[in-house]
Amino acid sequence: QASTGVRSERRTERGLARAAQLSSAHAAQVSMAALGVTGVAPETVALWDAVDDGDEAKVREVVAAGASTSAANRMGLSSLHRAAAAGSVSIATVLAAELGAPIDKPDRAGSTAP
């Protein structure tokens, strides 16, 4: 069930990232609040996408641009949780050792990144 929830969250976040990539005229009509997501910066959604895609260079790029490594989605999953769930040791290491992602932040179920 947790896996299904993560996939659902990923689809939502990917949809938000796609909306952010629309032309500026159209993107102005799409707000994250209207899509049911509040308090999440577009840079953070880009970080989650980069982690999901296994793109280490993009992870570094979006964090340098201001993405928060400690931000979490509605399920409490941070970028480090996502990297761990995907089995991406290299991205998890970059997030924790180089980019300051908190390693002891629990998700809503109380689990920390393995």
Foldseek 3Di string as FASTA:
>chain_A
DVVVVVVVVLVLLVVVLVLVVDPPVSNVVDDVVVSVDPDADSLQSQLLVCLLVVPQVSNVVSVVVPHDQADAGPQQDGSLLSNLVVVPPVNNCCCVVPVPRDQCRATPVGDGRD
